[in-house]
């Protein structure tokens, strides 16, 4: 199968051969036959040009639409960062949202004050990452045993996953929850712990969107 431009080039060669045939074999090729062949080849060339132009237009439209979605995504992420002080980190095939979703000491319930940021997160996912897998990461401060904190972190991640599914409208089969407990490398304020408000920065949830090359291609990062 030849590309349209290749067919056009072949048609040009055929025209040249037809002209040579007319001058060299005048007794065998009539003017009527030659004109008909020229018209046929010209039509073939024009058709190939139209097909190529259509494909180029279609490609240009897709590129323009892709650019528009990227621009809209960047704007939404920047606004998300500005409105809720969300840290957005780009990774290979994924993007991590460190959202200000925190928990009271030894508790795992989603606080009313954190529902708005989860709703906004869900709207971004539905608009740009509809087919992505979202992982909710649960964390604790270092108060309590490692085993207890791992379970508590899981309860917190499960609570956020449940909210995103039942209230914010994300599909349950695209959500999973994991616990990192008191993992020191992930503590926002190393060593800070409760009871009370102390260590609340470490009692949190993070959200990772694994788009695996989907959505809008590359993504923006807000620091």
C-alpha atoms as a PDB file:
ATOM      1  CA  UNK A   1       0.000   0.000   0.000  1.00  0.00           C
ATOM      2  CA  UNK A   2       1.519   3.313  -1.098  1.00  0.00           C
ATOM      3  CA  UNK A   3       1.133   6.594   0.775  1.00  0.00           C
ATOM      4  CA  UNK A   4      -0.755   9.345  -1.153  1.00  0.00           C
ATOM      5  CA  UNK A   5       2.433  11.253  -1.959  1.00  0.00           C
ATOM      6  CA  UNK A   6       4.030   8.077  -3.314  1.00  0.00           C
ATOM      7  CA  UNK A   7       1.010   7.432  -5.503  1.00  0.00           C
ATOM      8  CA  UNK A   8       1.204  11.016  -6.786  1.00  0.00           C
ATOM      9  CA  UNK A   9       4.868  10.594  -7.656  1.00  0.00           C
ATOM     10  CA  UNK A  10       4.106   7.328  -9.424  1.00  0.00           C
ATOM     11  CA  UNK A  11       1.327   9.057 -11.368  1.00  0.00           C
ATOM     12  CA  UNK A  12       3.747  11.741 -12.503  1.00  0.00           C
ATOM     13  CA  UNK A  13       6.107   9.051 -13.795  1.00  0.00           C
ATOM     14  CA  UNK A  14       3.211   7.390 -15.593  1.00  0.00           C
ATOM     15  CA  UNK A  15       2.352  10.685 -17.292  1.00  0.00           C
ATOM     16  CA  UNK A  16       5.917  10.998 -18.522  1.00  0.00           C
ATOM     17  CA  UNK A  17       5.859   7.456 -19.845  1.00  0.00           C
ATOM     18  CA  UNK A  18       2.538   8.087 -21.561  1.00  0.00           C
ATOM     19  CA  UNK A  19       3.949  11.152 -23.286  1.00  0.00           C
ATOM     20  CA  UNK A  20       7.009   9.183 -24.407  1.00  0.00           C
ATOM     21  CA  UNK A  21       4.765   6.438 -25.723  1.00  0.00           C
ATOM     22  CA  UNK A  22       2.773   8.930 -27.772  1.00  0.00           C
ATOM     23  CA  UNK A  23       5.848  10.327 -29.507  1.00  0.00           C
ATOM     24  CA  UNK A  24       7.528   6.978 -30.019  1.00  0.00           C
ATOM     25  CA  UNK A  25       4.512   4.887 -30.990  1.00  0.00           C
ATOM     26  CA  UNK A  26       2.151   7.369 -32.629  1.00  0.00           C
ATOM     27  CA  UNK A  27       0.566   4.679 -34.765  1.00  0.00           C
ATOM     28  CA  UNK A  28      -0.536   2.709 -31.717  1.00  0.00           C
ATOM     29  CA  UNK A  29      -1.693   5.475 -29.328  1.00  0.00           C
ATOM     30  CA  UNK A  30      -4.434   7.864 -30.373  1.00  0.00           C
ATOM     31  CA  UNK A  31      -4.789  11.367 -29.027  1.00  0.00           C
ATOM     32  CA  UNK A  32      -8.117  10.378 -27.505  1.00  0.00           C
ATOM     33  CA  UNK A  33      -6.530   7.468 -25.628  1.00  0.00           C
ATOM     34  CA  UNK A  34      -3.694   9.659 -24.439  1.00  0.00           C
ATOM     35  CA  UNK A  35      -6.016  12.438 -23.234  1.00  0.00           C
ATOM     36  CA  UNK A  36      -8.152   9.875 -21.411  1.00  0.00           C
ATOM     37  CA  UNK A  37      -5.085   8.422 -19.689  1.00  0.00           C
ATOM     38  CA  UNK A  38      -3.855  11.869 -18.719  1.00  0.00           C
ATOM     39  CA  UNK A  39      -7.271  12.744 -17.277  1.00  0.00           C
ATOM     40  CA  UNK A  40      -7.361   9.470 -15.336  1.00  0.00           C
ATOM     41  CA  UNK A  41      -3.917   9.979 -13.867  1.00  0.00           C
ATOM     42  CA  UNK A  42      -4.629  13.636 -13.058  1.00  0.00           C
ATOM     43  CA  UNK A  43      -7.785  12.592 -11.191  1.00  0.00           C
ATOM     44  CA  UNK A  44      -5.808   9.949  -9.325  1.00  0.00           C
ATOM     45  CA  UNK A  45      -3.220  12.530  -8.291  1.00  0.00           C
ATOM     46  CA  UNK A  46      -5.878  14.980  -7.132  1.00  0.00           C
ATOM     47  CA  UNK A  47      -7.631  12.261  -5.135  1.00  0.00           C
ATOM     48  CA  UNK A  48      -4.347  11.336  -3.471  1.00  0.00           C
ATOM     49  CA  UNK A  49      -3.705  14.972  -2.628  1.00  0.00           C
ATOM     50  CA  UNK A  50      -7.171  15.311  -1.078  1.00  0.00           C
ATOM     51  CA  UNK A  51      -6.667  12.173   1.019  1.00  0.00           C
ATOM     52  CA  UNK A  52      -3.304  13.437   2.234  1.00  0.00           C
ATOM     53  CA  UNK A  53      -4.748  16.864   3.055  1.00  0.00           C
ATOM     54  CA  UNK A  54      -7.584  15.239   5.011  1.00  0.00           C
ATOM     55  CA  UNK A  55      -5.129  13.160   7.016  1.00  0.00           C
ATOM     56  CA  UNK A  56      -2.976  16.174   7.742  1.00  0.00           C
ATOM     57  CA  UNK A  57      -6.032  18.156   8.838  1.00  0.00           C
ATOM     58  CA  UNK A  58      -7.123  15.295  11.112  1.00  0.00           C
ATOM     59  CA  UNK A  59      -3.659  15.041  12.639  1.00  0.00           C
ATOM     60  CA  UNK A  60      -3.537  18.782  13.149  1.00  0.00           C
ATOM     61  CA  UNK A  61      -6.927  18.714  14.868  1.00  0.00           C
ATOM     62  CA  UNK A  62      -5.812  15.952  17.228  1.00  0.00           C
ATOM     63  CA  UNK A  63      -2.610  17.802  18.076  1.00  0.00           C
ATOM     64  CA  UNK A  64      -4.517  21.014  18.728  1.00  0.00           C
ATOM     65  CA  UNK A  65      -7.019  19.187  20.939  1.00  0.00           C
ATOM     66  CA  UNK A  66      -4.170  17.530  22.828  1.00  0.00           C
ATOM     67  CA  UNK A  67      -2.519  20.916  23.389  1.00  0.00           C
ATOM     68  CA  UNK A  68      -5.795  22.408  24.622  1.00  0.00           C
ATOM     69  CA  UNK A  69      -6.278  19.569  27.116  1.00  0.00           C
ATOM     70  CA  UNK A  70      -2.719  19.953  28.368  1.00  0.00           C
ATOM     71  CA  UNK A  71      -3.214  23.686  28.839  1.00  0.00           C
ATOM     72  CA  UNK A  72      -6.505  23.096  30.678  1.00  0.00           C
ATOM     73  CA  UNK A  73      -4.904  20.410  32.843  1.00  0.00           C
ATOM     74  CA  UNK A  74      -2.003  22.667  33.784  1.00  0.00           C
ATOM     75  CA  UNK A  75      -4.389  25.469  34.662  1.00  0.00           C
ATOM     76  CA  UNK A  76      -6.562  23.183  36.804  1.00  0.00           C
ATOM     77  CA  UNK A  77      -3.562  21.746  38.639  1.00  0.00           C
ATOM     78  CA  UNK A  78      -2.130  25.179  39.328  1.00  0.00           C
ATOM     79  CA  UNK A  79      -5.505  26.367  40.622  1.00  0.00           C
ATOM     80  CA  UNK A  80      -5.826  23.220  42.746  1.00  0.00           C
ATOM     81  CA  UNK A  81      -2.405  23.938  44.227  1.00  0.00           C
ATOM     82  CA  UNK A  82      -3.307  27.567  44.877  1.00  0.00           C
ATOM     83  CA  UNK A  83      -6.737  26.919  46.402  1.00  0.00           C
ATOM     84  CA  UNK A  84      -5.751  24.063  48.715  1.00  0.00           C
ATOM     85  CA  UNK A  85      -1.955  24.270  49.029  1.00  0.00           C
ATOM     86  CA  UNK A  86      -1.653  20.878  47.353  1.00  0.00           C
ATOM     87  CA  UNK A  87       1.838  19.675  46.482  1.00  0.00           C
ATOM     88  CA  UNK A  88       1.789  17.946  43.091  1.00  0.00           C
ATOM     89  CA  UNK A  89       4.723  15.721  42.208  1.00  0.00           C
ATOM     90  CA  UNK A  90       5.247  14.265  38.766  1.00  0.00           C
ATOM     91  CA  UNK A  91       6.600  10.715  38.595  1.00  0.00           C
ATOM     92  CA  UNK A  92       7.123   8.210  35.802  1.00  0.00           C
ATOM     93  CA  UNK A  93       3.644   7.191  34.662  1.00  0.00           C
ATOM     94  CA  UNK A  94       1.995   8.696  37.741  1.00  0.00           C
ATOM     95  CA  UNK A  95       1.377  11.895  39.663  1.00  0.00           C
ATOM     96  CA  UNK A  96       1.261  12.241  43.459  1.00  0.00           C
ATOM     97  CA  UNK A  97      -1.044  14.707  45.194  1.00  0.00           C
ATOM     98  CA  UNK A  98       0.021  15.553  48.745  1.00  0.00           C
ATOM     99  CA  UNK A  99      -3.325  16.922  49.832  1.00  0.00           C
ATOM    100  CA  UNK A 100      -4.020  18.634  53.163  1.00  0.00           C
ATOM    101  CA  UNK A 101      -6.136  15.730  54.417  1.00  0.00           C
ATOM    102  CA  UNK A 102      -5.223  15.112  58.044  1.00  0.00           C
ATOM    103  CA  UNK A 103      -6.590  13.088  60.934  1.00  0.00           C
ATOM    104  CA  UNK A 104      -7.199  13.611  64.597  1.00  0.00           C
ATOM    105  CA  UNK A 105      -4.958  11.715  66.978  1.00  0.00           C
ATOM    106  CA  UNK A 106      -5.680   7.953  66.928  1.00  0.00           C
ATOM    107  CA  UNK A 107      -8.689   8.519  64.628  1.00  0.00           C
ATOM    108  CA  UNK A 108      -9.380   7.484  61.039  1.00  0.00           C
ATOM    109  CA  UNK A 109     -12.508   9.448  60.108  1.00  0.00           C
ATOM    110  CA  UNK A 110     -12.395  11.916  57.211  1.00  0.00           C
ATOM    111  CA  UNK A 111     -12.899  15.358  58.708  1.00  0.00           C
ATOM    112  CA  UNK A 112     -15.589  17.660  57.337  1.00  0.00           C
ATOM    113  CA  UNK A 113     -12.962  20.324  56.680  1.00  0.00           C
ATOM    114  CA  UNK A 114     -11.117  17.969  54.298  1.00  0.00           C
ATOM    115  CA  UNK A 115     -14.051  16.967  52.131  1.00  0.00           C
ATOM    116  CA  UNK A 116     -13.750  19.922  49.737  1.00  0.00           C
ATOM    117  CA  UNK A 117     -10.179  19.095  48.718  1.00  0.00           C
ATOM    118  CA  UNK A 118     -11.148  15.462  48.112  1.00  0.00           C
ATOM    119  CA  UNK A 119     -14.073  16.594  45.976  1.00  0.00           C
ATOM    120  CA  UNK A 120     -11.771  18.809  43.902  1.00  0.00           C
ATOM    121  CA  UNK A 121      -9.272  15.973  43.533  1.00  0.00           C
ATOM    122  CA  UNK A 122     -12.047  13.674  42.303  1.00  0.00           C
ATOM    123  CA  UNK A 123     -13.178  16.244  39.728  1.00  0.00           C
ATOM    124  CA  UNK A 124      -9.637  16.476  38.309  1.00  0.00           C
ATOM    125  CA  UNK A 125      -9.382  12.682  38.096  1.00  0.00           C
ATOM    126  CA  UNK A 126     -12.749  12.357  36.364  1.00  0.00           C
ATOM    127  CA  UNK A 127     -11.879  15.063  33.834  1.00  0.00           C
ATOM    128  CA  UNK A 128      -8.311  14.068  32.934  1.00  0.00           C
ATOM    129  CA  UNK A 129      -7.584  10.602  34.365  1.00  0.00           C
ATOM    130  CA  UNK A 130     -10.839   8.691  33.991  1.00  0.00           C
ATOM    131  CA  UNK A 131      -9.105   5.348  33.360  1.00  0.00           C
ATOM    132  CA  UNK A 132      -6.303   5.765  35.890  1.00  0.00           C
ATOM    133  CA  UNK A 133      -5.774   3.755  39.064  1.00  0.00           C
ATOM    134  CA  UNK A 134      -5.839   5.928  42.187  1.00  0.00           C
ATOM    135  CA  UNK A 135      -3.919   4.757  45.243  1.00  0.00           C
ATOM    136  CA  UNK A 136      -4.708   6.281  48.632  1.00  0.00           C
ATOM    137  CA  UNK A 137      -1.683   6.218  50.928  1.00  0.00           C
ATOM    138  CA  UNK A 138      -2.356   6.336  54.674  1.00  0.00           C
ATOM    139  CA  UNK A 139       0.161   7.679  57.211  1.00  0.00           C
ATOM    140  CA  UNK A 140       0.433   8.115  60.974  1.00  0.00           C
ATOM    141  CA  UNK A 141       2.668   9.937  63.388  1.00  0.00           C
ATOM    142  CA  UNK A 142       5.228   7.818  65.306  1.00  0.00           C
ATOM    143  CA  UNK A 143       3.194   7.586  68.505  1.00  0.00           C
ATOM    144  CA  UNK A 144       2.288   3.970  69.230  1.00  0.00           C
ATOM    145  CA  UNK A 145       3.806   0.732  67.989  1.00  0.00           C
ATOM    146  CA  UNK A 146       4.813   0.106  64.379  1.00  0.00           C
ATOM    147  CA  UNK A 147       2.167  -2.611  64.079  1.00  0.00           C
ATOM    148  CA  UNK A 148      -0.577  -0.385  65.487  1.00  0.00           C
ATOM    149  CA  UNK A 149       0.402   2.476  63.190  1.00  0.00           C
ATOM    150  CA  UNK A 150       0.378   0.242  60.137  1.00  0.00           C
ATOM    151  CA  UNK A 151      -3.200  -0.774  60.931  1.00  0.00           C
ATOM    152  CA  UNK A 152      -4.219   2.808  61.700  1.00  0.00           C
ATOM    153  CA  UNK A 153      -2.689   4.027  58.448  1.00  0.00           C
ATOM    154  CA  UNK A 154      -4.704   1.393  56.596  1.00  0.00           C
ATOM    155  CA  UNK A 155      -7.924   2.496  58.271  1.00  0.00           C
ATOM    156  CA  UNK A 156      -7.224   6.079  57.233  1.00  0.00           C
ATOM    157  CA  UNK A 157      -6.485   5.093  53.656  1.00  0.00           C
ATOM    158  CA  UNK A 158      -9.658   2.974  53.584  1.00  0.00           C
ATOM    159  CA  UNK A 159     -11.722   5.899  54.897  1.00  0.00           C
ATOM    160  CA  UNK A 160     -10.461   8.211  52.152  1.00  0.00           C
ATOM    161  CA  UNK A 161     -10.994   5.547  49.497  1.00  0.00           C
ATOM    162  CA  UNK A 162     -14.557   5.043  50.742  1.00  0.00           C
ATOM    163  CA  UNK A 163     -15.250   8.766  50.571  1.00  0.00           C
ATOM    164  CA  UNK A 164     -13.852   9.068  47.053  1.00  0.00           C
ATOM    165  CA  UNK A 165     -16.010   6.164  45.917  1.00  0.00           C
ATOM    166  CA  UNK A 166     -19.335   6.744  47.675  1.00  0.00           C
ATOM    167  CA  UNK A 167     -19.406  10.547  47.893  1.00  0.00           C
ATOM    168  CA  UNK A 168     -16.984  11.980  45.340  1.00  0.00           C
ATOM    169  CA  UNK A 169     -18.052   9.597  42.570  1.00  0.00           C
ATOM    170  CA  UNK A 170     -14.855   7.809  41.580  1.00  0.00           C
ATOM    171  CA  UNK A 171     -15.297   4.171  40.468  1.00  0.00           C
ATOM    172  CA  UNK A 172     -14.518   1.735  43.271  1.00  0.00           C
ATOM    173  CA  UNK A 173     -12.624  -0.603  40.953  1.00  0.00           C
ATOM    174  CA  UNK A 174     -10.172   2.217  40.180  1.00  0.00           C
ATOM    175  CA  UNK A 175      -9.341   2.875  43.842  1.00  0.00           C
ATOM    176  CA  UNK A 176      -7.016   1.075  46.211  1.00  0.00           C
ATOM    177  CA  UNK A 177      -5.687   1.831  49.682  1.00  0.00           C
ATOM    178  CA  UNK A 178      -2.285   1.127  51.230  1.00  0.00           C
ATOM    179  CA  UNK A 179      -0.675   1.995  54.556  1.00  0.00           C
ATOM    180  CA  UNK A 180       2.795   3.328  55.225  1.00  0.00           C
ATOM    181  CA  UNK A 181       2.111   3.776  58.922  1.00  0.00           C
ATOM    182  CA  UNK A 182       4.802   5.812  60.626  1.00  0.00           C
ATOM    183  CA  UNK A 183       7.414   5.288  57.864  1.00  0.00           C
ATOM    184  CA  UNK A 184      10.061   7.831  58.825  1.00  0.00           C
ATOM    185  CA  UNK A 185      11.196   8.746  55.286  1.00  0.00           C
ATOM    186  CA  UNK A 186       7.630   9.850  54.565  1.00  0.00           C
ATOM    187  CA  UNK A 187       7.060  11.881  57.745  1.00  0.00           C
ATOM    188  CA  UNK A 188       6.408  15.528  56.954  1.00  0.00           C
ATOM    189  CA  UNK A 189       7.776  16.642  60.333  1.00  0.00           C
ATOM    190  CA  UNK A 190      10.173  13.879  61.434  1.00  0.00           C
ATOM    191  CA  UNK A 191       9.420  12.648  64.939  1.00  0.00           C
ATOM    192  CA  UNK A 192       6.431  14.930  65.538  1.00  0.00           C
ATOM    193  CA  UNK A 193       3.602  13.080  67.284  1.00  0.00           C
ATOM    194  CA  UNK A 194       0.471  13.462  69.379  1.00  0.00           C
ATOM    195  CA  UNK A 195      -1.604  13.410  71.382  1.00  0.00           C
ATOM    196  CA  UNK A 196      -3.314  16.668  70.633  1.00  0.00           C
ATOM    197  CA  UNK A 197      -2.553  18.723  67.535  1.00  0.00           C
ATOM    198  CA  UNK A 198       1.159  17.975  67.674  1.00  0.00           C
ATOM    199  CA  UNK A 199       2.230  15.774  64.768  1.00  0.00           C
ATOM    200  CA  UNK A 200      -0.951  16.374  62.772  1.00  0.00           C
ATOM    201  CA  UNK A 201       1.186  16.975  59.658  1.00  0.00           C
ATOM    202  CA  UNK A 202       2.215  13.311  59.801  1.00  0.00           C
ATOM    203  CA  UNK A 203      -1.331  12.001  60.278  1.00  0.00           C
ATOM    204  CA  UNK A 204      -2.332  12.341  56.673  1.00  0.00           C
ATOM    205  CA  UNK A 205      -3.294  10.802  53.352  1.00  0.00           C
ATOM    206  CA  UNK A 206      -1.590  11.141  49.974  1.00  0.00           C
ATOM    207  CA  UNK A 207      -3.157  10.327  46.606  1.00  0.00           C
ATOM    208  CA  UNK A 208      -1.296   8.810  43.666  1.00  0.00           C
ATOM    209  CA  UNK A 209      -2.813   8.765  40.169  1.00  0.00           C
ATOM    210  CA  UNK A 210      -1.248   6.011  38.063  1.00  0.00           C
ATOM    211  CA  UNK A 211      -2.206   7.077  34.560  1.00  0.00           C
ATOM    212  CA  UNK A 212       0.435   4.866  32.890  1.00  0.00           C
ATOM    213  CA  UNK A 213       0.835   7.133  29.872  1.00  0.00           C
ATOM    214  CA  UNK A 214      -2.875   7.886  29.561  1.00  0.00           C
ATOM    215  CA  UNK A 215      -4.840  11.013  30.204  1.00  0.00           C
ATOM    216  CA  UNK A 216      -3.256  14.056  28.621  1.00  0.00           C
ATOM    217  CA  UNK A 217       0.221  12.711  28.105  1.00  0.00           C
ATOM    218  CA  UNK A 218       2.624  14.793  30.171  1.00  0.00           C
ATOM    219  CA  UNK A 219       1.458  16.601  33.280  1.00  0.00           C
ATOM    220  CA  UNK A 220       2.359  19.777  35.058  1.00  0.00           C
ATOM    221  CA  UNK A 221       3.983  19.980  38.501  1.00  0.00           C
ATOM    222  CA  UNK A 222       3.153  22.512  41.184  1.00  0.00           C
ATOM    223  CA  UNK A 223       5.658  23.040  43.972  1.00  0.00           C
END
